[in-house]
C-alpha atoms as a PDB file:
ATOM      1  CA  UNK A   1      57.200  50.274  15.795  1.00  0.00           C
ATOM      2  CA  UNK A   2      55.422  52.582  18.099  1.00  0.00           C
ATOM      3  CA  UNK A   3      54.387  51.465  21.427  1.00  0.00           C
ATOM      4  CA  UNK A   4      51.859  52.306  24.266  1.00  0.00           C
ATOM      5  CA  UNK A   5      52.891  51.262  27.606  1.00  0.00           C
ATOM      6  CA  UNK A   6      49.999  50.913  30.248  1.00  0.00           C
ATOM      7  CA  UNK A   7      51.393  51.013  33.783  1.00  0.00           C
ATOM      8  CA  UNK A   8      49.135  49.739  36.283  1.00  0.00           C
ATOM      9  CA  UNK A   9      50.441  50.302  39.675  1.00  0.00           C
ATOM     10  CA  UNK A  10      49.036  49.268  43.055  1.00  0.00           C
ATOM     11  CA  UNK A  11      50.357  49.305  47.261  1.00  0.00           C
ATOM     12  CA  UNK A  12      53.369  47.280  46.737  1.00  0.00           C
ATOM     13  CA  UNK A  13      53.369  46.531  43.108  1.00  0.00           C
ATOM     14  CA  UNK A  14      53.632  48.048  39.463  1.00  0.00           C
ATOM     15  CA  UNK A  15      52.022  45.927  36.515  1.00  0.00           C
ATOM     16  CA  UNK A  16      53.164  47.283  33.120  1.00  0.00           C
ATOM     17  CA  UNK A  17      52.265  45.936  29.608  1.00  0.00           C
ATOM     18  CA  UNK A  18      53.219  47.627  26.003  1.00  0.00           C
ATOM     19  CA  UNK A  19      50.808  47.054  22.950  1.00  0.00           C
ATOM     20  CA  UNK A  20      51.659  47.729  19.585  1.00  0.00           C
ATOM     21  CA  UNK A  21      50.018  50.505  17.871  1.00  0.00           C
ATOM     22  CA  UNK A  22      47.211  49.225  15.295  1.00  0.00           C
ATOM     23  CA  UNK A  23      44.512  48.472  14.892  1.00  0.00           C
ATOM     24  CA  UNK A  24      44.224  45.216  17.388  1.00  0.00           C
ATOM     25  CA  UNK A  25      46.529  46.736  19.401  1.00  0.00           C
ATOM     26  CA  UNK A  26      48.260  43.225  20.161  1.00  0.00           C
ATOM     27  CA  UNK A  27      50.540  42.889  23.312  1.00  0.00           C
ATOM     28  CA  UNK A  28      54.171  42.351  22.770  1.00  0.00           C
ATOM     29  CA  UNK A  29      54.971  43.144  26.651  1.00  0.00           C
ATOM     30  CA  UNK A  30      53.596  42.415  29.948  1.00  0.00           C
ATOM     31  CA  UNK A  31      55.190  41.779  33.801  1.00  0.00           C
ATOM     32  CA  UNK A  32      55.178  42.867  37.388  1.00  0.00           C
ATOM     33  CA  UNK A  33      57.445  44.438  40.159  1.00  0.00           C
ATOM     34  CA  UNK A  34      55.941  42.573  43.204  1.00  0.00           C
ATOM     35  CA  UNK A  35      57.102  43.154  47.063  1.00  0.00           C
ATOM     36  CA  UNK A  36      57.668  46.813  46.023  1.00  0.00           C
ATOM     37  CA  UNK A  37      59.220  47.615  50.349  1.00  0.00           C
ATOM     38  CA  UNK A  38      60.213  43.914  51.485  1.00  0.00           C
ATOM     39  CA  UNK A  39      63.517  42.549  51.108  1.00  0.00           C
ATOM     40  CA  UNK A  40      62.272  39.940  48.473  1.00  0.00           C
ATOM     41  CA  UNK A  41      61.160  42.003  45.548  1.00  0.00           C
ATOM     42  CA  UNK A  42      61.363  40.345  42.132  1.00  0.00           C
ATOM     43  CA  UNK A  43      60.725  41.492  38.428  1.00  0.00           C
ATOM     44  CA  UNK A  44      58.714  38.873  36.643  1.00  0.00           C
ATOM     45  CA  UNK A  45      58.211  39.630  32.476  1.00  0.00           C
ATOM     46  CA  UNK A  46      57.199  37.867  29.622  1.00  0.00           C
ATOM     47  CA  UNK A  47      58.433  38.777  26.174  1.00  0.00           C
ATOM     48  CA  UNK A  48      55.731  38.527  23.522  1.00  0.00           C
ATOM     49  CA  UNK A  49      57.678  38.726  20.445  1.00  0.00           C
ATOM     50  CA  UNK A  50      60.519  36.914  21.398  1.00  0.00           C
ATOM     51  CA  UNK A  51      58.205  33.866  23.041  1.00  0.00           C
ATOM     52  CA  UNK A  52      60.668  34.574  26.714  1.00  0.00           C
ATOM     53  CA  UNK A  53      59.811  35.035  30.075  1.00  0.00           C
ATOM     54  CA  UNK A  54      62.242  35.413  33.022  1.00  0.00           C
ATOM     55  CA  UNK A  55      62.131  36.173  36.551  1.00  0.00           C
ATOM     56  CA  UNK A  56      64.695  38.141  38.953  1.00  0.00           C
ATOM     57  CA  UNK A  57      64.790  39.408  42.636  1.00  0.00           C
ATOM     58  CA  UNK A  58      65.943  43.461  42.008  1.00  0.00           C
ATOM     59  CA  UNK A  59      66.285  46.077  45.353  1.00  0.00           C
ATOM     60  CA  UNK A  60      62.604  47.333  45.222  1.00  0.00           C
ATOM     61  CA  UNK A  61      62.467  50.074  48.626  1.00  0.00           C
ATOM     62  CA  UNK A  62      60.354  51.701  47.065  1.00  0.00           C
ATOM     63  CA  UNK A  63      57.835  52.269  43.683  1.00  0.00           C
ATOM     64  CA  UNK A  64      60.522  55.050  41.547  1.00  0.00           C
ATOM     65  CA  UNK A  65      63.074  52.505  41.914  1.00  0.00           C
ATOM     66  CA  UNK A  66      61.061  50.612  39.536  1.00  0.00           C
ATOM     67  CA  UNK A  67      62.031  53.221  37.110  1.00  0.00           C
ATOM     68  CA  UNK A  68      65.134  52.209  35.687  1.00  0.00           C
ATOM     69  CA  UNK A  69      64.109  48.052  35.393  1.00  0.00           C
ATOM     70  CA  UNK A  70      61.386  49.121  33.373  1.00  0.00           C
ATOM     71  CA  UNK A  71      63.237  51.398  30.472  1.00  0.00           C
ATOM     72  CA  UNK A  72      66.155  48.845  31.044  1.00  0.00           C
ATOM     73  CA  UNK A  73      63.650  46.278  29.773  1.00  0.00           C
ATOM     74  CA  UNK A  74      62.388  48.071  27.153  1.00  0.00           C
ATOM     75  CA  UNK A  75      64.897  48.751  25.090  1.00  0.00           C
ATOM     76  CA  UNK A  76      66.827  44.909  25.650  1.00  0.00           C
ATOM     77  CA  UNK A  77      62.949  44.129  23.901  1.00  0.00           C
ATOM     78  CA  UNK A  78      61.647  46.924  21.611  1.00  0.00           C
ATOM     79  CA  UNK A  79      63.651  49.405  22.551  1.00  0.00           C
ATOM     80  CA  UNK A  80      62.154  52.123  24.908  1.00  0.00           C
ATOM     81  CA  UNK A  81      61.949  55.245  21.977  1.00  0.00           C
ATOM     82  CA  UNK A  82      58.929  53.405  20.503  1.00  0.00           C
ATOM     83  CA  UNK A  83      57.311  53.914  23.356  1.00  0.00           C
ATOM     84  CA  UNK A  84      54.642  57.132  22.679  1.00  0.00           C
ATOM     85  CA  UNK A  85      52.037  57.281  25.063  1.00  0.00           C
ATOM     86  CA  UNK A  86      52.184  56.019  28.351  1.00  0.00           C
ATOM     87  CA  UNK A  87      48.903  55.028  30.377  1.00  0.00           C
ATOM     88  CA  UNK A  88      48.327  55.096  34.368  1.00  0.00           C
ATOM     89  CA  UNK A  89      45.379  53.561  36.323  1.00  0.00           C
ATOM     90  CA  UNK A  90      44.806  55.613  39.498  1.00  0.00           C
ATOM     91  CA  UNK A  91      42.864  54.033  42.184  1.00  0.00           C
ATOM     92  CA  UNK A  92      41.169  57.578  42.780  1.00  0.00           C
ATOM     93  CA  UNK A  93      39.695  59.948  40.737  1.00  0.00           C
ATOM     94  CA  UNK A  94      37.868  61.763  43.647  1.00  0.00           C
ATOM     95  CA  UNK A  95      35.199  64.275  42.705  1.00  0.00           C
ATOM     96  CA  UNK A  96      37.333  66.129  39.823  1.00  0.00           C
ATOM     97  CA  UNK A  97      38.423  63.075  37.502  1.00  0.00           C
ATOM     98  CA  UNK A  98      35.976  61.387  36.248  1.00  0.00           C
ATOM     99  CA  UNK A  99      37.707  60.890  32.576  1.00  0.00           C
ATOM    100  CA  UNK A 100      40.941  59.848  31.225  1.00  0.00           C
ATOM    101  CA  UNK A 101      42.786  62.729  30.928  1.00  0.00           C
ATOM    102  CA  UNK A 102      46.600  63.741  30.213  1.00  0.00           C
ATOM    103  CA  UNK A 103      48.739  64.482  33.053  1.00  0.00           C
ATOM    104  CA  UNK A 104      50.883  67.621  33.993  1.00  0.00           C
ATOM    105  CA  UNK A 105      51.308  69.569  36.756  1.00  0.00           C
ATOM    106  CA  UNK A 106      47.912  71.216  37.297  1.00  0.00           C
ATOM    107  CA  UNK A 107      46.573  67.944  37.608  1.00  0.00           C
ATOM    108  CA  UNK A 108      49.736  66.123  39.772  1.00  0.00           C
ATOM    109  CA  UNK A 109      48.876  68.574  42.572  1.00  0.00           C
ATOM    110  CA  UNK A 110      44.968  67.774  42.443  1.00  0.00           C
ATOM    111  CA  UNK A 111      46.033  64.034  43.165  1.00  0.00           C
ATOM    112  CA  UNK A 112      48.475  65.471  45.712  1.00  0.00           C
ATOM    113  CA  UNK A 113      45.665  67.700  47.615  1.00  0.00           C
ATOM    114  CA  UNK A 114      43.478  64.729  47.015  1.00  0.00           C
ATOM    115  CA  UNK A 115      46.292  61.679  47.825  1.00  0.00           C
ATOM    116  CA  UNK A 116      44.735  61.276  51.743  1.00  0.00           C
ATOM    117  CA  UNK A 117      41.491  59.659  49.605  1.00  0.00           C
ATOM    118  CA  UNK A 118      44.002  56.853  48.943  1.00  0.00           C
ATOM    119  CA  UNK A 119      47.313  57.470  51.244  1.00  0.00           C
ATOM    120  CA  UNK A 120      48.680  53.858  50.481  1.00  0.00           C
ATOM    121  CA  UNK A 121      47.732  54.171  46.530  1.00  0.00           C
ATOM    122  CA  UNK A 122      48.038  57.591  45.522  1.00  0.00           C
ATOM    123  CA  UNK A 123      51.450  59.131  46.294  1.00  0.00           C
ATOM    124  CA  UNK A 124      53.740  56.435  45.036  1.00  0.00           C
ATOM    125  CA  UNK A 125      51.639  56.673  41.610  1.00  0.00           C
ATOM    126  CA  UNK A 126      52.344  60.483  42.049  1.00  0.00           C
ATOM    127  CA  UNK A 127      55.902  59.743  42.123  1.00  0.00           C
ATOM    128  CA  UNK A 128      56.573  57.426  39.365  1.00  0.00           C
ATOM    129  CA  UNK A 129      54.533  59.540  36.788  1.00  0.00           C
ATOM    130  CA  UNK A 130      56.562  62.304  38.269  1.00  0.00           C
ATOM    131  CA  UNK A 131      59.980  59.899  37.220  1.00  0.00           C
ATOM    132  CA  UNK A 132      58.750  58.775  34.180  1.00  0.00           C
ATOM    133  CA  UNK A 133      57.981  62.860  32.535  1.00  0.00           C
ATOM    134  CA  UNK A 134      62.130  63.281  33.242  1.00  0.00           C
ATOM    135  CA  UNK A 135      62.358  59.780  31.442  1.00  0.00           C
ATOM    136  CA  UNK A 136      60.496  60.635  28.990  1.00  0.00           C
ATOM    137  CA  UNK A 137      59.786  63.943  28.814  1.00  0.00           C
ATOM    138  CA  UNK A 138      58.257  64.471  24.674  1.00  0.00           C
ATOM    139  CA  UNK A 139      56.296  60.878  25.607  1.00  0.00           C
ATOM    140  CA  UNK A 140      51.894  62.138  27.025  1.00  0.00           C
ATOM    141  CA  UNK A 141      50.950  60.561  29.526  1.00  0.00           C
ATOM    142  CA  UNK A 142      47.334  59.765  30.133  1.00  0.00           C
ATOM    143  CA  UNK A 143      45.529  58.893  33.777  1.00  0.00           C
ATOM    144  CA  UNK A 144      42.494  56.533  33.883  1.00  0.00           C
ATOM    145  CA  UNK A 145      40.398  56.519  36.740  1.00  0.00           C
ATOM    146  CA  UNK A 146      38.897  53.282  39.062  1.00  0.00           C
ATOM    147  CA  UNK A 147      36.193  55.554  40.207  1.00  0.00           C
ATOM    148  CA  UNK A 148      34.852  56.735  37.054  1.00  0.00           C
ATOM    149  CA  UNK A 149      33.308  53.681  35.984  1.00  0.00           C
ATOM    150  CA  UNK A 150      30.872  54.338  39.670  1.00  0.00           C
ATOM    151  CA  UNK A 151      30.268  58.179  38.749  1.00  0.00           C
ATOM    152  CA  UNK A 152      26.748  57.156  37.795  1.00  0.00           C
ATOM    153  CA  UNK A 153      25.833  55.886  41.558  1.00  0.00           C
ATOM    154  CA  UNK A 154      22.603  57.629  42.489  1.00  0.00           C
ATOM    155  CA  UNK A 155      23.068  60.049  45.040  1.00  0.00           C
ATOM    156  CA  UNK A 156      21.119  57.908  47.142  1.00  0.00           C
ATOM    157  CA  UNK A 157      24.176  55.174  47.157  1.00  0.00           C
ATOM    158  CA  UNK A 158      26.757  58.089  46.405  1.00  0.00           C
ATOM    159  CA  UNK A 159      25.683  59.381  50.788  1.00  0.00           C
ATOM    160  CA  UNK A 160      27.177  58.648  53.709  1.00  0.00           C
ATOM    161  CA  UNK A 161      25.917  58.932  56.834  1.00  0.00           C
ATOM    162  CA  UNK A 162      27.687  61.754  58.168  1.00  0.00           C
ATOM    163  CA  UNK A 163      27.162  65.603  58.562  1.00  0.00           C
ATOM    164  CA  UNK A 164      26.565  66.789  54.819  1.00  0.00           C
ATOM    165  CA  UNK A 165      29.128  69.905  55.251  1.00  0.00           C
ATOM    166  CA  UNK A 166      31.519  66.748  54.455  1.00  0.00           C
ATOM    167  CA  UNK A 167      29.843  66.461  51.782  1.00  0.00           C
ATOM    168  CA  UNK A 168      30.872  69.377  50.098  1.00  0.00           C
ATOM    169  CA  UNK A 169      34.547  68.452  50.982  1.00  0.00           C
ATOM    170  CA  UNK A 170      34.308  65.563  48.578  1.00  0.00           C
ATOM    171  CA  UNK A 171      33.601  62.643  51.366  1.00  0.00           C
ATOM    172  CA  UNK A 172      30.735  60.513  49.779  1.00  0.00           C
ATOM    173  CA  UNK A 173      31.119  56.912  49.129  1.00  0.00           C
ATOM    174  CA  UNK A 174      33.465  56.756  45.556  1.00  0.00           C
ATOM    175  CA  UNK A 175      33.554  53.652  44.206  1.00  0.00           C
ATOM    176  CA  UNK A 176      36.796  51.443  42.927  1.00  0.00           C
ATOM    177  CA  UNK A 177      37.923  48.491  40.752  1.00  0.00           C
ATOM    178  CA  UNK A 178      36.108  50.712  37.885  1.00  0.00           C
ATOM    179  CA  UNK A 179      38.333  49.714  35.420  1.00  0.00           C
ATOM    180  CA  UNK A 180      37.852  46.644  35.776  1.00  0.00           C
ATOM    181  CA  UNK A 181      33.969  46.618  35.694  1.00  0.00           C
ATOM    182  CA  UNK A 182      34.483  48.144  32.350  1.00  0.00           C
ATOM    183  CA  UNK A 183      35.868  45.278  31.158  1.00  0.00           C
ATOM    184  CA  UNK A 184      33.616  43.135  32.868  1.00  0.00           C
ATOM    185  CA  UNK A 185      30.519  44.535  30.991  1.00  0.00           C
ATOM    186  CA  UNK A 186      32.460  44.099  28.068  1.00  0.00           C
ATOM    187  CA  UNK A 187      33.058  40.872  28.086  1.00  0.00           C
ATOM    188  CA  UNK A 188      29.260  40.360  29.171  1.00  0.00           C
ATOM    189  CA  UNK A 189      28.356  41.583  26.284  1.00  0.00           C
ATOM    190  CA  UNK A 190      30.105  39.888  23.812  1.00  0.00           C
ATOM    191  CA  UNK A 191      29.881  36.274  25.225  1.00  0.00           C
ATOM    192  CA  UNK A 192      26.304  36.681  26.562  1.00  0.00           C
ATOM    193  CA  UNK A 193      24.644  39.461  24.063  1.00  0.00           C
ATOM    194  CA  UNK A 194      23.726  43.055  24.160  1.00  0.00           C
ATOM    195  CA  UNK A 195      20.265  42.021  26.595  1.00  0.00           C
ATOM    196  CA  UNK A 196      22.146  40.721  29.473  1.00  0.00           C
ATOM    197  CA  UNK A 197      24.623  42.770  30.078  1.00  0.00           C
ATOM    198  CA  UNK A 198      21.806  45.780  29.532  1.00  0.00           C
ATOM    199  CA  UNK A 199      19.576  43.862  32.595  1.00  0.00           C
ATOM    200  CA  UNK A 200      20.381  43.678  36.255  1.00  0.00           C
ATOM    201  CA  UNK A 201      23.290  42.891  36.982  1.00  0.00           C
ATOM    202  CA  UNK A 202      25.972  41.823  40.261  1.00  0.00           C
ATOM    203  CA  UNK A 203      30.125  41.642  39.086  1.00  0.00           C
ATOM    204  CA  UNK A 204      32.345  41.022  41.447  1.00  0.00           C
ATOM    205  CA  UNK A 205      36.125  41.672  41.340  1.00  0.00           C
ATOM    206  CA  UNK A 206      37.896  39.574  43.514  1.00  0.00           C
ATOM    207  CA  UNK A 207      41.356  39.830  44.603  1.00  0.00           C
ATOM    208  CA  UNK A 208      44.262  41.054  47.312  1.00  0.00           C
ATOM    209  CA  UNK A 209      41.513  44.220  46.751  1.00  0.00           C
ATOM    210  CA  UNK A 210      37.950  42.613  46.354  1.00  0.00           C
ATOM    211  CA  UNK A 211      34.609  44.249  45.888  1.00  0.00           C
ATOM    212  CA  UNK A 212      31.247  43.467  44.345  1.00  0.00           C
ATOM    213  CA  UNK A 213      28.754  46.415  42.436  1.00  0.00           C
ATOM    214  CA  UNK A 214      25.297  46.280  41.009  1.00  0.00           C
ATOM    215  CA  UNK A 215      24.788  47.370  37.609  1.00  0.00           C
ATOM    216  CA  UNK A 216      21.468  48.258  35.867  1.00  0.00           C
ATOM    217  CA  UNK A 217      21.933  49.397  32.182  1.00  0.00           C
ATOM    218  CA  UNK A 218      25.007  49.275  32.341  1.00  0.00           C
ATOM    219  CA  UNK A 219      25.411  51.622  35.093  1.00  0.00           C
ATOM    220  CA  UNK A 220      26.929  51.374  38.021  1.00  0.00           C
ATOM    221  CA  UNK A 221      24.383  51.636  40.833  1.00  0.00           C
ATOM    222  CA  UNK A 222      25.431  50.403  43.847  1.00  0.00           C
ATOM    223  CA  UNK A 223      28.725  49.057  45.329  1.00  0.00           C
ATOM    224  CA  UNK A 224      30.597  47.734  48.196  1.00  0.00           C
ATOM    225  CA  UNK A 225      33.789  50.522  48.350  1.00  0.00           C
ATOM    226  CA  UNK A 226      32.601  53.155  49.840  1.00  0.00           C
ATOM    227  CA  UNK A 227      35.150  56.395  50.390  1.00  0.00           C
ATOM    228  CA  UNK A 228      38.214  54.530  49.991  1.00  0.00           C
ATOM    229  CA  UNK A 229      38.848  50.813  48.322  1.00  0.00           C
ATOM    230  CA  UNK A 230      39.231  49.959  52.889  1.00  0.00           C
ATOM    231  CA  UNK A 231      35.050  49.427  52.396  1.00  0.00           C
ATOM    232  CA  UNK A 232      32.879  46.096  51.571  1.00  0.00           C
ATOM    233  CA  UNK A 233      34.051  42.975  50.978  1.00  0.00           C
ATOM    234  CA  UNK A 234      36.339  40.992  53.739  1.00  0.00           C
ATOM    235  CA  UNK A 235      39.962  41.310  51.730  1.00  0.00           C
ATOM    236  CA  UNK A 236      43.538  40.080  52.637  1.00  0.00           C
ATOM    237  CA  UNK A 237      44.065  43.431  54.799  1.00  0.00           C
ATOM    238  CA  UNK A 238      41.399  44.844  54.750  1.00  0.00           C
ATOM    239  CA  UNK A 239      38.687  43.937  57.263  1.00  0.00           C
ATOM    240  CA  UNK A 240      35.816  45.371  55.251  1.00  0.00           C
ATOM    241  CA  UNK A 241      32.225  46.089  56.399  1.00  0.00           C
ATOM    242  CA  UNK A 242      28.821  46.305  55.502  1.00  0.00           C
ATOM    243  CA  UNK A 243      28.697  43.426  52.812  1.00  0.00           C
ATOM    244  CA  UNK A 244      25.759  41.081  54.153  1.00  0.00           C
ATOM    245  CA  UNK A 245      23.270  43.991  54.393  1.00  0.00           C
ATOM    246  CA  UNK A 246      24.597  45.190  50.946  1.00  0.00           C
ATOM    247  CA  UNK A 247      23.640  41.813  50.316  1.00  0.00           C
ATOM    248  CA  UNK A 248      20.505  41.496  51.504  1.00  0.00           C
ATOM    249  CA  UNK A 249      19.351  44.644  50.140  1.00  0.00           C
ATOM    250  CA  UNK A 250      19.645  43.316  46.719  1.00  0.00           C
ATOM    251  CA  UNK A 251      17.968  40.162  47.095  1.00  0.00           C
ATOM    252  CA  UNK A 252      21.373  37.385  46.841  1.00  0.00           C
ATOM    253  CA  UNK A 253      21.859  36.369  50.512  1.00  0.00           C
ATOM    254  CA  UNK A 254      18.759  35.348  52.610  1.00  0.00           C
ATOM    255  CA  UNK A 255      17.475  37.396  55.345  1.00  0.00           C
END
């Protein structure tokens, strides 16, 4: 049984899911490493095929430490050798990366160069991909970027009120949670129809990190997050900034 492993690396967590290769891509395993870097880090998982769930503490001072228990879990369920491809959600693609692409040394070097764009996410994600490449040397890894959905932002929405020379260095509004928004748009079309999804839509991604995006004809037109994921809505550890003015502009909040 060939499977695809999907990995979502956060600032203090790693979510993962295993999908059986086939027309419907059924999910066979899912789980999460939580509280990475803390003394109470834990692994929770659900083996869909065996209809079994589990949770136990682990020693996870960093993201790389999650790889051995993940491989062990894969061996106990479907077998690690069944993994034929690995997909990673990456928070930032910088000015260069938009579409999904295969991870190689050149990609890792570029991601390392733009790590200051997302210092709480990219360094740990890069380290994770490097260790996984060593564990699965023949398995291709593919990076999917949370900034990709917002590549359609008009220039007026991308511009920041700073000297233009910084724009040439990649300092602009990027927008985040793009994979979530892509999924929401697909679900909106499935539930409400193509006409609704093709209209003016305001989407909200609400969680530890939160953002909102204005969509028209399926394209991101404006978004609350900016150059980094720190802007916009008030979040658990981020103060946000200009969400009130953004909502007023789009007519959601009263003046």
